[in-house]
Amino acid sequence: MTADGDDVGVVRLDLEITRRHAVVSIFLDPRCQGRGIGPEALRLVGTCAARDLKLRSLRASVKPDNYPSRSAFRSAGFTESPTGPTVTFVKSLHVGHG
């Protein structure tokens, strides 16, 4: 992904089509944190995943001490729940018709 013409990070989806969801991973250049780029990228990926891929949810696993990622997922509307050594985030998507 880019911001102001500079490469600032990557968002990856690992599709699980049979379950109609994807596991999302995001990496953002640490110099760009706190600018709202991560949450906005996650929101856009969710919109595209629902509209274009007809997915029903996105999931992510984050280390408990990765506070910037946890904040980005929360800001993008993901629900957080602790699951062992990681924190799981889930976002239900509304598949568009048409």
Protein backbone atom coordinates (compact mmCIF):
# COMPACT_ATOMS: atom_id res chain seq x y z
CA MET A 1 0.00 0.00 0.00
CA THR A 2 1.08 3.57 -0.55
CA ALA A 3 0.49 6.92 1.13
CA ASP A 4 1.53 10.22 -0.39
CA GLY A 5 3.31 8.27 -3.13
CA ASP A 6 5.49 6.26 -0.72
CA ASP A 7 5.34 2.53 -0.03
CA VAL A 8 4.23 2.24 3.58
CA GLY A 9 3.09 -1.32 4.08
CA VAL A 10 1.45 -4.53 2.95
CA VAL A 11 -1.92 -6.16 3.57
CA ARG A 12 -2.27 -9.87 2.81
CA LEU A 13 -5.38 -12.06 2.71
CA ASP A 14 -5.14 -15.84 3.04
CA LEU A 15 -8.44 -16.98 1.60
CA GLU A 16 -10.47 -19.83 3.02
CA ILE A 17 -13.16 -19.81 0.36
CA THR A 18 -14.98 -22.91 1.64
CA ARG A 19 -15.65 -21.10 4.91
CA ARG A 20 -16.12 -17.75 3.13
CA HIS A 21 -13.56 -15.94 5.25
CA ALA A 22 -9.94 -14.86 5.10
CA VAL A 23 -7.10 -14.44 7.51
CA VAL A 24 -5.74 -10.90 7.20
CA SER A 25 -2.17 -9.82 7.94
CA ILE A 26 -0.89 -6.27 7.87
CA PHE A 27 2.57 -4.78 8.06
CA LEU A 28 3.02 -1.03 8.30
CA ASP A 29 6.32 0.82 8.26
CA PRO A 30 6.80 1.84 11.92
CA ARG A 31 7.53 5.42 10.80
CA CYS A 32 3.94 5.60 9.51
CA GLN A 33 2.18 4.37 12.63
CA GLY A 34 -0.30 6.67 14.29
CA ARG A 35 -1.44 8.28 11.04
CA GLY A 36 -4.58 6.17 10.58
CA ILE A 37 -3.18 4.28 7.59
CA GLY A 38 -3.51 0.80 9.13
CA PRO A 39 -7.17 1.09 10.17
CA GLU A 40 -8.11 2.67 6.84
CA ALA A 41 -6.33 -0.09 4.90
CA LEU A 42 -8.14 -2.74 6.98
CA ARG A 43 -11.51 -1.05 6.36
CA LEU A 44 -10.86 -0.91 2.60
CA VAL A 45 -9.76 -4.55 2.51
CA GLY A 46 -12.98 -5.50 4.33
CA THR A 47 -15.11 -3.59 1.84
CA CYS A 48 -13.37 -5.21 -1.13
CA ALA A 49 -13.44 -8.68 0.44
CA ALA A 50 -17.20 -8.47 0.95
CA ARG A 51 -18.04 -6.85 -2.38
CA ASP A 52 -15.62 -8.59 -4.73
CA LEU A 53 -14.84 -11.89 -3.00
CA LYS A 54 -18.21 -12.34 -1.24
CA LEU A 55 -16.46 -13.17 2.03
CA ARG A 56 -18.43 -13.17 5.28
CA SER A 57 -15.63 -12.41 7.73
CA LEU A 58 -12.01 -11.49 8.24
CA ARG A 59 -9.86 -12.90 11.04
CA ALA A 60 -6.44 -12.02 12.42
CA SER A 61 -4.12 -13.20 15.18
CA VAL A 62 -1.97 -10.66 16.98
CA LYS A 63 0.60 -11.04 19.73
CA PRO A 64 -0.73 -9.58 22.99
CA ASP A 65 2.09 -7.06 23.27
CA ASN A 66 1.65 -5.72 19.71
CA TYR A 67 -0.35 -2.68 20.81
CA PRO A 68 -0.18 -0.77 17.49
CA SER A 69 -1.71 -3.72 15.59
CA ARG A 70 -4.34 -4.30 18.27
CA SER A 71 -5.30 -0.64 18.11
CA ALA A 72 -5.48 -0.69 14.30
CA PHE A 73 -7.79 -3.73 14.24
CA ARG A 74 -10.04 -2.25 16.94
CA SER A 75 -10.21 1.06 15.07
CA ALA A 76 -11.17 -0.81 11.89
CA GLY A 77 -14.16 -2.42 13.63
CA PHE A 78 -12.75 -5.84 14.49
CA THR A 79 -13.87 -7.59 17.68
CA GLU A 80 -11.05 -8.70 19.99
CA SER A 81 -10.86 -11.84 22.11
CA PRO A 82 -7.88 -13.47 23.84
CA THR A 83 -7.13 -16.99 22.60
CA GLY A 84 -4.08 -18.50 24.24
CA PRO A 85 -0.77 -16.98 23.18
CA THR A 86 -2.41 -14.60 20.68
CA VAL A 87 -5.35 -12.22 20.50
CA THR A 88 -7.90 -13.06 17.82
CA PHE A 89 -9.71 -10.33 15.92
CA VAL A 90 -12.83 -10.99 13.84
CA LYS A 91 -14.86 -8.71 11.64
CA SER A 92 -18.17 -9.78 10.13
CA LEU A 93 -18.67 -8.50 6.62
CA HIS A 94 -21.89 -7.59 4.89
CA VAL A 95 -21.88 -9.19 1.48
CA GLY A 96 -23.41 -6.86 -1.08
CA HIS A 97 -25.99 -8.08 -3.54
CA GLY A 98 -25.99 -6.96 -7.11
